[in-house]
Amino acid sequence: MGYASIRECLAPCGLSCEKCMGYANGKIREHAEKLSELLGDFDRYAERFSAFLPGFKNYPAFREILEHFRGADCAGCRKGSCKYPNCGVSACFRRKGLDFCFQCDEFPCDKTNFDFDLKDRWVRMNMRMREIGVEKYYEETKDLPRYL
């Protein structure tokens, strides 16, 4: 896969849009749709099963999350707006005209508004892209889950 195609799959921060729970054309939405179809009207069965399988008492909460995944509507961080609240990367990469954060002379910075864990991951992803290149980084991470 070439740089231009990879650029459409990866957000400017380095996270995979195609594996994001909010991405309209992503695998999570696709699988949520399929699971919902396979379950059909399982709600009434879950209620009956809860009498002898206590975990099914949580089925309504599961269904609510499944519906959230089915409703994914983001076009991707480069085309839409980032779903991360107050993401500083979204506006910054556009303003600077860069593809990825590691290409910025201010990287790493304090403009992301990420929490500690995500900021740490952001630094590691971008350092790795800088080290081996975007194409190799994509190949190295394409089969890994986004949510590690």
C-alpha atoms as a PDB file:
ATOM      1  CA  MET A   1       0.000   0.000   0.000  1.00  0.00           C
ATOM      2  CA  GLY A   2       1.364   3.397  -0.930  1.00  0.00           C
ATOM      3  CA  TYR A   3       1.813   6.508   1.174  1.00  0.00           C
ATOM      4  CA  ALA A   4      -1.318   8.271  -0.124  1.00  0.00           C
ATOM      5  CA  SER A   5      -3.560   5.294   0.697  1.00  0.00           C
ATOM      6  CA  ILE A   6      -1.970   4.839   4.106  1.00  0.00           C
ATOM      7  CA  ARG A   7      -2.466   8.528   4.813  1.00  0.00           C
ATOM      8  CA  GLU A   8      -6.212   7.949   4.363  1.00  0.00           C
ATOM      9  CA  CYS A   9      -6.145   5.049   6.846  1.00  0.00           C
ATOM     10  CA  LEU A  10      -4.104   6.727   9.575  1.00  0.00           C
ATOM     11  CA  ALA A  11      -5.075   9.891  11.402  1.00  0.00           C
ATOM     12  CA  PRO A  12      -2.475  12.676  11.677  1.00  0.00           C
ATOM     13  CA  CYS A  13      -1.796  11.534  15.244  1.00  0.00           C
ATOM     14  CA  GLY A  14      -0.952   8.032  13.983  1.00  0.00           C
ATOM     15  CA  LEU A  15      -4.039   6.175  15.199  1.00  0.00           C
ATOM     16  CA  SER A  16      -5.882   4.006  12.698  1.00  0.00           C
ATOM     17  CA  CYS A  17      -9.121   5.610  11.535  1.00  0.00           C
ATOM     18  CA  GLU A  18     -10.120   2.413   9.746  1.00  0.00           C
ATOM     19  CA  LYS A  19     -10.122   0.539  13.076  1.00  0.00           C
ATOM     20  CA  CYS A  20     -11.832   3.288  15.089  1.00  0.00           C
ATOM     21  CA  MET A  21     -15.191   2.616  16.739  1.00  0.00           C
ATOM     22  CA  GLY A  22     -16.510   5.886  15.299  1.00  0.00           C
ATOM     23  CA  TYR A  23     -15.417   5.338  11.672  1.00  0.00           C
ATOM     24  CA  ALA A  24     -18.402   4.955   9.339  1.00  0.00           C
ATOM     25  CA  ASN A  25     -16.552   2.617   6.941  1.00  0.00           C
ATOM     26  CA  GLY A  26     -14.677   0.682   9.600  1.00  0.00           C
ATOM     27  CA  LYS A  27     -14.606  -2.950  10.612  1.00  0.00           C
ATOM     28  CA  ILE A  28     -16.132  -2.265  14.033  1.00  0.00           C
ATOM     29  CA  ARG A  29     -19.257  -0.787  12.468  1.00  0.00           C
ATOM     30  CA  GLU A  30     -19.335  -3.549   9.864  1.00  0.00           C
ATOM     31  CA  HIS A  31     -19.125  -6.296  12.495  1.00  0.00           C
ATOM     32  CA  ALA A  32     -21.625  -4.537  14.765  1.00  0.00           C
ATOM     33  CA  GLU A  33     -24.109  -4.456  11.868  1.00  0.00           C
ATOM     34  CA  LYS A  34     -23.574  -8.153  11.193  1.00  0.00           C
ATOM     35  CA  LEU A  35     -23.844  -9.120  14.871  1.00  0.00           C
ATOM     36  CA  SER A  36     -27.032  -7.109  15.209  1.00  0.00           C
ATOM     37  CA  GLU A  37     -28.482  -8.896  12.168  1.00  0.00           C
ATOM     38  CA  LEU A  38     -27.492 -12.289  13.556  1.00  0.00           C
ATOM     39  CA  LEU A  39     -29.028 -11.523  16.956  1.00  0.00           C
ATOM     40  CA  GLY A  40     -32.292 -10.326  15.475  1.00  0.00           C
ATOM     41  CA  ASP A  41     -34.885  -9.936  18.247  1.00  0.00           C
ATOM     42  CA  PHE A  42     -32.741 -11.579  20.902  1.00  0.00           C
ATOM     43  CA  ASP A  43     -33.874  -9.167  23.653  1.00  0.00           C
ATOM     44  CA  ARG A  44     -36.773 -11.364  24.761  1.00  0.00           C
ATOM     45  CA  TYR A  45     -34.568 -14.451  24.797  1.00  0.00           C
ATOM     46  CA  ALA A  46     -31.914 -12.673  26.842  1.00  0.00           C
ATOM     47  CA  GLU A  47     -34.566 -11.829  29.431  1.00  0.00           C
ATOM     48  CA  ARG A  48     -35.571 -15.514  29.693  1.00  0.00           C
ATOM     49  CA  PHE A  49     -31.943 -16.704  29.757  1.00  0.00           C
ATOM     50  CA  SER A  50     -31.155 -14.303  32.591  1.00  0.00           C
ATOM     51  CA  ALA A  51     -33.133 -16.555  34.943  1.00  0.00           C
ATOM     52  CA  PHE A  52     -30.409 -19.219  34.712  1.00  0.00           C
ATOM     53  CA  LEU A  53     -27.516 -17.320  33.085  1.00  0.00           C
ATOM     54  CA  PRO A  54     -27.093 -14.167  35.206  1.00  0.00           C
ATOM     55  CA  GLY A  55     -24.839 -12.412  32.694  1.00  0.00           C
ATOM     56  CA  PHE A  56     -27.823 -11.945  30.394  1.00  0.00           C
ATOM     57  CA  LYS A  57     -29.261  -9.421  32.849  1.00  0.00           C
ATOM     58  CA  ASN A  58     -26.690  -7.075  31.287  1.00  0.00           C
ATOM     59  CA  TYR A  59     -27.965  -7.640  27.753  1.00  0.00           C
ATOM     60  CA  PRO A  60     -29.712  -4.251  27.508  1.00  0.00           C
ATOM     61  CA  ALA A  61     -26.397  -2.490  28.233  1.00  0.00           C
ATOM     62  CA  PHE A  62     -24.658  -4.681  25.644  1.00  0.00           C
ATOM     63  CA  ARG A  63     -27.342  -3.838  23.094  1.00  0.00           C
ATOM     64  CA  GLU A  64     -26.923  -0.121  23.801  1.00  0.00           C
ATOM     65  CA  ILE A  65     -23.185  -0.312  23.093  1.00  0.00           C
ATOM     66  CA  LEU A  66     -23.771  -2.445  19.999  1.00  0.00           C
ATOM     67  CA  GLU A  67     -26.174   0.216  18.712  1.00  0.00           C
ATOM     68  CA  HIS A  68     -23.529   2.853  19.381  1.00  0.00           C
ATOM     69  CA  PHE A  69     -21.034   0.896  17.261  1.00  0.00           C
ATOM     70  CA  ARG A  70     -23.646   0.492  14.497  1.00  0.00           C
ATOM     71  CA  GLY A  71     -24.182   4.246  14.481  1.00  0.00           C
ATOM     72  CA  ALA A  72     -20.577   5.108  13.662  1.00  0.00           C
ATOM     73  CA  ASP A  73     -20.664   8.118  11.372  1.00  0.00           C
ATOM     74  CA  CYS A  74     -17.183   9.632  11.226  1.00  0.00           C
ATOM     75  CA  ALA A  75     -15.600  10.164   7.808  1.00  0.00           C
ATOM     76  CA  GLY A  76     -12.117   9.995   9.342  1.00  0.00           C
ATOM     77  CA  CYS A  77      -9.943  12.559  11.064  1.00  0.00           C
ATOM     78  CA  ARG A  78      -8.707  14.024   7.783  1.00  0.00           C
ATOM     79  CA  LYS A  79     -12.179  14.373   6.272  1.00  0.00           C
ATOM     80  CA  GLY A  80     -14.368  14.940   9.277  1.00  0.00           C
ATOM     81  CA  SER A  81     -13.693  15.983  12.775  1.00  0.00           C
ATOM     82  CA  CYS A  82     -11.928  13.953  15.409  1.00  0.00           C
ATOM     83  CA  LYS A  83     -14.232  12.196  17.873  1.00  0.00           C
ATOM     84  CA  TYR A  84     -11.731  12.692  20.714  1.00  0.00           C
ATOM     85  CA  PRO A  85     -13.037  15.611  22.798  1.00  0.00           C
ATOM     86  CA  ASN A  86     -11.057  18.803  22.204  1.00  0.00           C
ATOM     87  CA  CYS A  87      -8.396  17.080  20.066  1.00  0.00           C
ATOM     88  CA  GLY A  88      -5.623  19.568  19.434  1.00  0.00           C
ATOM     89  CA  VAL A  89      -4.114  17.557  16.581  1.00  0.00           C
ATOM     90  CA  SER A  90      -7.140  18.005  14.330  1.00  0.00           C
ATOM     91  CA  ALA A  91      -6.750  21.764  13.900  1.00  0.00           C
ATOM     92  CA  CYS A  92      -2.955  21.800  14.182  1.00  0.00           C
ATOM     93  CA  PHE A  93      -2.173  19.443  11.283  1.00  0.00           C
ATOM     94  CA  ARG A  94      -4.476  21.452   8.991  1.00  0.00           C
ATOM     95  CA  ARG A  95      -2.964  24.765  10.042  1.00  0.00           C
ATOM     96  CA  LYS A  96       0.582  23.479   9.516  1.00  0.00           C
ATOM     97  CA  GLY A  97      -0.181  21.502   6.348  1.00  0.00           C
ATOM     98  CA  LEU A  98       1.464  18.317   7.635  1.00  0.00           C
ATOM     99  CA  ASP A  99       0.427  14.707   7.208  1.00  0.00           C
ATOM    100  CA  PHE A 100       1.600  13.422  10.598  1.00  0.00           C
ATOM    101  CA  CYS A 101       2.661  14.950  13.897  1.00  0.00           C
ATOM    102  CA  PHE A 102       6.202  13.572  13.731  1.00  0.00           C
ATOM    103  CA  GLN A 103       6.814  15.792  10.675  1.00  0.00           C
ATOM    104  CA  CYS A 104       6.401  18.922  12.794  1.00  0.00           C
ATOM    105  CA  ASP A 105       9.461  20.698  14.168  1.00  0.00           C
ATOM    106  CA  GLU A 106       7.583  21.145  17.471  1.00  0.00           C
ATOM    107  CA  PHE A 107       6.908  17.410  17.949  1.00  0.00           C
ATOM    108  CA  PRO A 108       6.357  16.294  20.646  1.00  0.00           C
ATOM    109  CA  CYS A 109       4.303  19.180  22.002  1.00  0.00           C
ATOM    110  CA  ASP A 110       1.603  19.892  24.553  1.00  0.00           C
ATOM    111  CA  LYS A 111      -1.076  20.870  22.011  1.00  0.00           C
ATOM    112  CA  THR A 112      -2.789  17.482  21.677  1.00  0.00           C
ATOM    113  CA  ASN A 113      -5.046  17.716  24.751  1.00  0.00           C
ATOM    114  CA  PHE A 114      -4.649  13.937  25.087  1.00  0.00           C
ATOM    115  CA  ASP A 115      -4.821  12.190  28.440  1.00  0.00           C
ATOM    116  CA  PHE A 116      -1.584  10.693  29.778  1.00  0.00           C
ATOM    117  CA  ASP A 117      -2.038   7.240  28.243  1.00  0.00           C
ATOM    118  CA  LEU A 118      -3.016   8.489  24.807  1.00  0.00           C
ATOM    119  CA  LYS A 119      -0.267  11.103  24.790  1.00  0.00           C
ATOM    120  CA  ASP A 120       2.312   8.432  25.620  1.00  0.00           C
ATOM    121  CA  ARG A 121       0.978   6.244  22.816  1.00  0.00           C
ATOM    122  CA  TRP A 122       0.926   9.238  20.424  1.00  0.00           C
ATOM    123  CA  VAL A 123       4.613   9.910  21.099  1.00  0.00           C
ATOM    124  CA  ARG A 124       5.562   6.244  20.633  1.00  0.00           C
ATOM    125  CA  MET A 125       3.591   5.899  17.358  1.00  0.00           C
ATOM    126  CA  ASN A 126       5.053   9.049  15.857  1.00  0.00           C
ATOM    127  CA  MET A 127       8.599   8.248  16.966  1.00  0.00           C
ATOM    128  CA  ARG A 128       8.226   4.850  15.320  1.00  0.00           C
ATOM    129  CA  MET A 129       6.922   6.406  12.069  1.00  0.00           C
ATOM    130  CA  ARG A 130       9.836   8.839  12.087  1.00  0.00           C
ATOM    131  CA  GLU A 131      12.250   5.947  12.669  1.00  0.00           C
ATOM    132  CA  ILE A 132      11.043   3.461  10.031  1.00  0.00           C
ATOM    133  CA  GLY A 133       8.768   5.512   7.748  1.00  0.00           C
ATOM    134  CA  VAL A 134       5.018   5.655   7.353  1.00  0.00           C
ATOM    135  CA  GLU A 135       4.757   2.692   4.978  1.00  0.00           C
ATOM    136  CA  LYS A 136       6.719   0.328   7.210  1.00  0.00           C
ATOM    137  CA  TYR A 137       4.863   1.586  10.287  1.00  0.00           C
ATOM    138  CA  TYR A 138       1.548   0.800   8.620  1.00  0.00           C
ATOM    139  CA  GLU A 139       2.699  -2.693   7.647  1.00  0.00           C
ATOM    140  CA  GLU A 140       3.950  -3.261  11.196  1.00  0.00           C
ATOM    141  CA  THR A 141       0.656  -2.192  12.793  1.00  0.00           C
ATOM    142  CA  LYS A 142      -2.097  -2.927  10.264  1.00  0.00           C
ATOM    143  CA  ASP A 143      -3.124  -6.211  11.892  1.00  0.00           C
ATOM    144  CA  LEU A 144      -2.914  -5.001  15.486  1.00  0.00           C
ATOM    145  CA  PRO A 145      -6.012  -3.874  17.360  1.00  0.00           C
ATOM    146  CA  ARG A 146      -6.401  -0.116  17.655  1.00  0.00           C
ATOM    147  CA  TYR A 147      -7.384  -0.339  21.290  1.00  0.00           C
ATOM    148  CA  LEU A 148      -4.353  -1.804  23.013  1.00  0.00           C
END
